[in-house]
Amino acid sequence: MSNKNANSRLPRAKGIEMATYYAPKDCVKKVKRIVLPPMNRQIVEEFLVILGMKERFIQYDVPIPNKVVMYGPPGTGKTLTAFYIATRLEVPLLLVRLDAIIHSHLGETASNVRKIFEYSKAMPCVLFLDEFDAIARTRENNDEVKEMARVVNTLLQCLDEFEGESILIAATNLQEELDNAIWRRFDTKMTYSLPDEDSRNEYIKLLIGDFEQKGDILNTTSELLEECSFADIEQIILKAKRKAIIEDSPLCPTHIDIAFKEYMPRLRE
């Protein structure tokens, strides 16, 4: 299926498509540099192995996982993981647009949720819902309890009926906001946090690559960016590389330090 044909058939709301379509080749480009902590890599690899052994699991009447929820702070690799899984499965990724899904009349929101799930049944894909808490919020202590309950109930039905070749991946920074019934529907859960020293060093090496460098770049950069997310690290190193290119000089710790001060990442308190 071509990108153009896929887009022309995507469900629409508010006059716009409910999802952004990424062809498998686009997903490959997204994950040129990805670092997964050991536990998450183990979870992903086992998940993929199971999907490759469907007949064996069917033989033993063991359900095959097809729903993943990822939670943790922004910039820690949740979206990249979704693209990575799509790449490994060689299927497109549909990034759901919540600005299209969520309607001022929440009855429409529930209808839109069902439409995007129905679409994913017709085409093998990774259906990715970022900021999942926006439509999966707990039904308790909510100002719009009745209307939000309608959305959550529809979502529960969609999760229960979700089958076929597609994979659902949901990501949230606010896991405590998710309705408990929604939470229980996911067979695979992954926790994300700021990178530890090993992950940080691995990612810094990937980002610098074969760029000419001077001085103890790895150690000084790793120490300086200790409390940064993967997304912050990427932006700071790219900014530093731009400075080195402008000066026509090797990348050095000074470039990293200036880039860090200019970027001003929001660090943990």
Protein backbone atom coordinates (compact mmCIF):
# COMPACT_ATOMS: atom_id res chain seq x y z
CA MET A 1 0.00 0.00 0.00
CA SER A 2 1.44 3.34 -1.00
CA ASN A 3 1.68 6.27 1.36
CA LYS A 4 -0.70 8.21 -0.85
CA ASN A 5 -3.32 5.45 -0.95
CA ALA A 6 -3.08 4.87 2.79
CA ASN A 7 -3.56 8.55 3.55
CA SER A 8 -6.55 8.81 1.22
CA ARG A 9 -8.31 6.11 3.19
CA LEU A 10 -7.55 7.32 6.69
CA PRO A 11 -10.67 8.28 8.69
CA ARG A 12 -11.19 12.01 9.11
CA ALA A 13 -12.59 14.29 11.80
CA LYS A 14 -12.81 18.08 11.88
CA GLY A 15 -11.81 17.94 8.23
CA ILE A 16 -8.39 16.42 8.97
CA GLU A 17 -7.04 12.88 9.03
CA MET A 18 -7.14 11.19 12.42
CA ALA A 19 -3.59 9.83 12.13
CA THR A 20 -0.28 10.48 10.45
CA TYR A 21 0.86 7.58 8.28
CA TYR A 22 4.51 6.48 8.38
CA ALA A 23 5.50 3.88 5.80
CA PRO A 24 7.97 1.18 6.92
CA LYS A 25 10.84 3.00 5.19
CA ASP A 26 9.96 6.16 7.14
CA CYS A 27 10.05 4.19 10.39
CA VAL A 28 13.54 2.91 9.55
CA LYS A 29 14.78 6.50 9.23
CA LYS A 30 13.34 7.38 12.64
CA VAL A 31 15.31 4.71 14.51
CA LYS A 32 18.81 5.19 13.17
CA ARG A 33 19.86 6.03 16.70
CA ILE A 34 17.95 4.30 19.48
CA VAL A 35 19.16 3.13 22.86
CA LEU A 36 16.92 0.84 24.90
CA PRO A 37 17.72 0.05 28.55
CA PRO A 38 18.40 -3.68 29.07
CA MET A 39 14.99 -4.44 30.60
CA ASN A 40 13.04 -2.67 27.88
CA ARG A 41 15.16 -4.26 25.16
CA GLN A 42 14.45 -7.66 26.68
CA ILE A 43 10.70 -6.93 26.75
CA VAL A 44 10.70 -5.72 23.13
CA GLU A 45 12.76 -8.65 21.84
CA GLU A 46 10.56 -11.21 23.63
CA PHE A 47 7.45 -9.46 22.32
CA LEU A 48 8.78 -9.71 18.76
CA VAL A 49 9.82 -13.35 19.20
CA ILE A 50 6.32 -14.25 20.35
CA LEU A 51 4.78 -12.53 17.33
CA GLY A 52 7.06 -14.63 15.15
CA MET A 53 5.87 -17.85 16.83
CA LYS A 54 2.11 -17.32 16.59
CA GLU A 55 1.30 -20.85 15.47
CA ARG A 56 3.21 -22.32 18.40
CA PHE A 57 1.32 -20.20 20.92
CA ILE A 58 -2.00 -20.96 19.26
CA GLN A 59 -1.17 -24.65 19.55
CA TYR A 60 -0.86 -24.30 23.32
CA ASP A 61 -3.86 -21.95 23.56
CA VAL A 62 -1.70 -19.15 24.97
CA PRO A 63 -2.88 -15.63 24.02
CA ILE A 64 -0.54 -13.63 21.82
CA PRO A 65 0.23 -10.12 23.15
CA ASN A 66 -0.78 -7.23 20.91
CA LYS A 67 -1.11 -4.25 23.27
CA VAL A 68 1.80 -2.32 24.79
CA VAL A 69 1.61 0.60 27.21
CA MET A 70 4.71 2.70 27.87
CA TYR A 71 5.01 5.23 30.64
CA GLY A 72 7.63 7.63 31.93
CA PRO A 73 8.85 11.22 31.54
CA PRO A 74 9.01 13.00 28.17
CA GLY A 75 11.97 12.46 25.90
CA THR A 76 12.96 9.05 27.25
CA GLY A 77 12.34 6.97 24.12
CA LYS A 78 8.68 5.92 24.13
CA THR A 79 7.89 7.21 20.64
CA LEU A 80 11.14 5.86 19.22
CA THR A 81 10.31 2.43 20.62
CA ALA A 82 6.99 2.45 18.75
CA PHE A 83 8.83 3.28 15.51
CA TYR A 84 11.41 0.57 16.30
CA ILE A 85 8.73 -2.09 16.73
CA ALA A 86 7.10 -1.02 13.47
CA THR A 87 10.50 -1.23 11.78
CA ARG A 88 11.14 -4.73 13.08
CA LEU A 89 7.68 -5.89 12.04
CA GLU A 90 8.03 -4.15 8.66
CA VAL A 91 4.61 -2.55 8.94
CA PRO A 92 3.50 1.10 8.81
CA LEU A 93 2.99 3.16 11.95
CA LEU A 94 -0.15 5.25 12.44
CA LEU A 95 0.45 8.11 14.85
CA VAL A 96 -3.00 9.08 16.11
CA ARG A 97 -3.66 12.81 16.12
CA LEU A 98 -5.45 13.61 19.36
CA ASP A 99 -6.29 17.10 18.10
CA ALA A 100 -8.47 15.37 15.50
CA ILE A 101 -9.82 12.61 17.74
CA ILE A 102 -10.92 14.76 20.68
CA HIS A 103 -14.08 16.75 19.97
CA SER A 104 -15.83 19.39 22.07
CA HIS A 105 -18.80 17.01 22.04
CA LEU A 106 -17.33 13.96 23.72
CA GLY A 107 -19.90 11.74 22.05
CA GLU A 108 -18.00 12.51 18.87
CA THR A 109 -14.74 11.66 20.61
CA ALA A 110 -16.00 8.17 21.41
CA SER A 111 -17.10 7.73 17.79
CA ASN A 112 -13.71 8.87 16.52
CA VAL A 113 -11.90 6.43 18.83
CA ARG A 114 -13.92 3.56 17.39
CA LYS A 115 -13.25 4.69 13.80
CA ILE A 116 -9.47 4.69 14.21
CA PHE A 117 -9.53 1.25 15.82
CA GLU A 118 -11.73 -0.08 13.03
CA TYR A 119 -9.28 1.31 10.50
CA SER A 120 -6.36 -0.50 12.15
CA LYS A 121 -8.20 -3.81 11.76
CA ALA A 122 -8.27 -3.36 7.99
CA MET A 123 -4.52 -2.82 7.60
CA PRO A 124 -1.67 -4.45 9.57
CA CYS A 125 0.11 -1.62 11.35
CA VAL A 126 1.38 -0.29 14.64
CA LEU A 127 -1.38 1.95 15.97
CA PHE A 128 0.37 4.46 18.21
CA LEU A 129 -1.55 6.61 20.69
CA ASP A 130 0.73 9.15 22.35
CA GLU A 131 -0.47 11.16 25.37
CA PHE A 132 -2.85 8.27 25.94
CA ASP A 133 -4.14 9.72 29.21
CA ALA A 134 -6.08 12.32 27.19
CA ILE A 135 -8.67 9.67 26.24
CA ALA A 136 -8.03 7.03 28.92
CA ARG A 137 -8.33 9.13 32.06
CA THR A 138 -9.78 7.61 35.18
CA ARG A 139 -13.55 7.89 35.45
CA GLU A 140 -13.26 8.84 39.12
CA ASN A 141 -13.17 12.44 40.32
CA ASN A 142 -13.59 13.87 36.85
CA ASP A 143 -15.48 17.07 36.09
CA GLU A 144 -17.07 15.43 33.06
CA VAL A 145 -17.69 12.01 34.59
CA LYS A 146 -20.59 10.93 32.39
CA GLU A 147 -19.14 12.06 29.08
CA MET A 148 -15.62 10.88 29.88
CA ALA A 149 -17.04 7.54 31.00
CA ARG A 150 -18.56 7.19 27.54
CA VAL A 151 -15.15 7.68 25.91
CA VAL A 152 -13.44 5.28 28.32
CA ASN A 153 -16.17 2.67 27.89
CA THR A 154 -15.81 2.87 24.11
CA LEU A 155 -12.05 2.57 24.46
CA LEU A 156 -12.47 -0.51 26.68
CA GLN A 157 -14.66 -2.14 24.06
CA CYS A 158 -12.12 -1.35 21.35
CA LEU A 159 -9.32 -2.83 23.43
CA ASP A 160 -11.32 -5.99 24.11
CA GLU A 161 -12.13 -6.36 20.40
CA PHE A 162 -8.62 -5.52 19.19
CA GLU A 163 -7.34 -8.49 17.22
CA GLY A 164 -5.78 -9.38 13.91
CA GLU A 165 -2.34 -8.44 12.63
CA SER A 166 -2.05 -4.92 14.08
CA ILE A 167 -0.28 -3.90 17.29
CA LEU A 168 -1.50 -1.20 19.65
CA ILE A 169 1.08 0.92 21.46
CA ALA A 170 0.02 3.60 23.92
CA ALA A 171 2.33 6.06 25.66
CA THR A 172 1.76 8.39 28.58
CA ASN A 173 3.72 10.62 30.93
CA LEU A 174 0.89 10.39 33.47
CA GLN A 175 0.29 6.72 34.15
CA GLU A 176 -1.49 7.52 37.42
CA GLU A 177 -4.19 9.26 35.36
CA LEU A 178 -5.13 6.12 33.43
CA ASP A 179 -8.36 4.36 34.30
CA ASN A 180 -7.63 1.09 36.12
CA ALA A 181 -9.78 -0.93 33.74
CA ILE A 182 -7.82 0.46 30.79
CA TRP A 183 -4.53 -0.33 32.50
CA ARG A 184 -5.51 -3.98 32.99
CA ARG A 185 -6.22 -4.43 29.26
CA PHE A 186 -2.56 -4.12 28.32
CA ASP A 187 -0.59 -7.35 28.27
CA THR A 188 2.81 -5.66 27.97
CA LYS A 189 3.98 -2.73 30.11
CA MET A 190 7.23 -0.82 29.79
CA THR A 191 8.67 1.76 32.19
CA TYR A 192 10.86 4.60 30.94
CA SER A 193 13.17 6.86 32.92
CA LEU A 194 16.07 9.20 32.33
CA PRO A 195 19.08 7.35 30.86
CA ASP A 196 21.61 5.82 33.22
CA GLU A 197 25.35 6.27 32.65
CA ASP A 198 25.74 3.33 30.27
CA SER A 199 22.72 4.29 28.15
CA ARG A 200 23.78 7.94 28.15
CA ASN A 201 27.31 7.07 27.00
CA GLU A 202 26.02 4.76 24.27
CA TYR A 203 23.67 7.44 22.97
CA ILE A 204 26.30 10.17 23.03
CA LYS A 205 28.62 7.93 20.97
CA LEU A 206 25.85 7.31 18.43
CA LEU A 207 25.09 11.03 18.13
CA ILE A 208 28.71 12.13 17.73
CA GLY A 209 29.46 9.29 15.32
CA ASP A 210 32.57 9.90 13.21
CA PHE A 211 32.43 13.68 13.68
CA GLU A 212 35.95 15.00 14.26
CA GLN A 213 36.45 15.74 17.93
CA LYS A 214 39.01 17.17 20.31
CA GLY A 215 39.43 16.62 24.03
CA ASP A 216 37.66 14.22 26.38
CA ILE A 217 34.25 14.64 24.74
CA LEU A 218 32.52 11.49 25.99
CA ASN A 219 33.28 11.81 29.69
CA THR A 220 32.77 15.57 29.93
CA THR A 221 29.53 15.42 27.93
CA SER A 222 28.18 12.47 29.88
CA GLU A 223 28.87 14.19 33.18
CA LEU A 224 27.37 17.50 32.05
CA LEU A 225 24.19 15.86 30.69
CA GLU A 226 23.68 13.48 33.60
CA GLU A 227 20.11 14.61 34.35
CA CYS A 228 19.00 15.08 30.74
CA SER A 229 16.56 12.98 28.74
CA PHE A 230 17.53 11.33 25.46
CA ALA A 231 15.67 14.12 23.63
CA ASP A 232 17.64 16.80 25.51
CA ILE A 233 20.94 15.04 24.83
CA GLU A 234 20.18 14.85 21.13
CA GLN A 235 19.30 18.54 20.83
CA ILE A 236 22.35 19.69 22.80
CA ILE A 237 24.82 17.60 20.81
CA LEU A 238 23.27 18.64 17.49
CA LYS A 239 23.52 22.28 18.55
CA ALA A 240 27.17 21.73 19.53
CA LYS A 241 27.94 20.07 16.18
CA ARG A 242 26.42 23.02 14.34
CA LYS A 243 28.73 25.37 16.23
CA ALA A 244 31.74 23.23 15.31
CA ILE A 245 30.71 23.23 11.64
CA ILE A 246 30.30 27.03 11.63
CA GLU A 247 33.80 27.39 13.11
CA ASP A 248 35.19 24.71 10.82
CA SER A 249 36.73 23.05 13.85
CA PRO A 250 36.61 19.69 15.66
CA LEU A 251 33.85 19.19 18.21
CA CYS A 252 35.21 20.04 21.66
CA PRO A 253 33.88 20.21 25.25
CA THR A 254 33.47 23.99 24.93
CA HIS A 255 30.92 23.53 22.15
CA ILE A 256 28.96 21.11 24.34
CA ASP A 257 29.08 23.46 27.31
CA ILE A 258 27.84 26.47 25.31
CA ALA A 259 25.12 24.40 23.65
CA PHE A 260 23.97 23.16 27.06
CA LYS A 261 23.70 26.69 28.43
CA GLU A 262 21.82 27.92 25.36
CA TYR A 263 19.41 24.98 25.23
CA MET A 264 18.59 25.24 28.96
CA PRO A 265 17.10 21.76 29.51
CA ARG A 266 14.56 21.34 32.28
CA LEU A 267 16.42 19.16 34.74
CA ARG A 268 15.16 17.11 37.64
CA GLU A 269 14.87 19.03 40.88
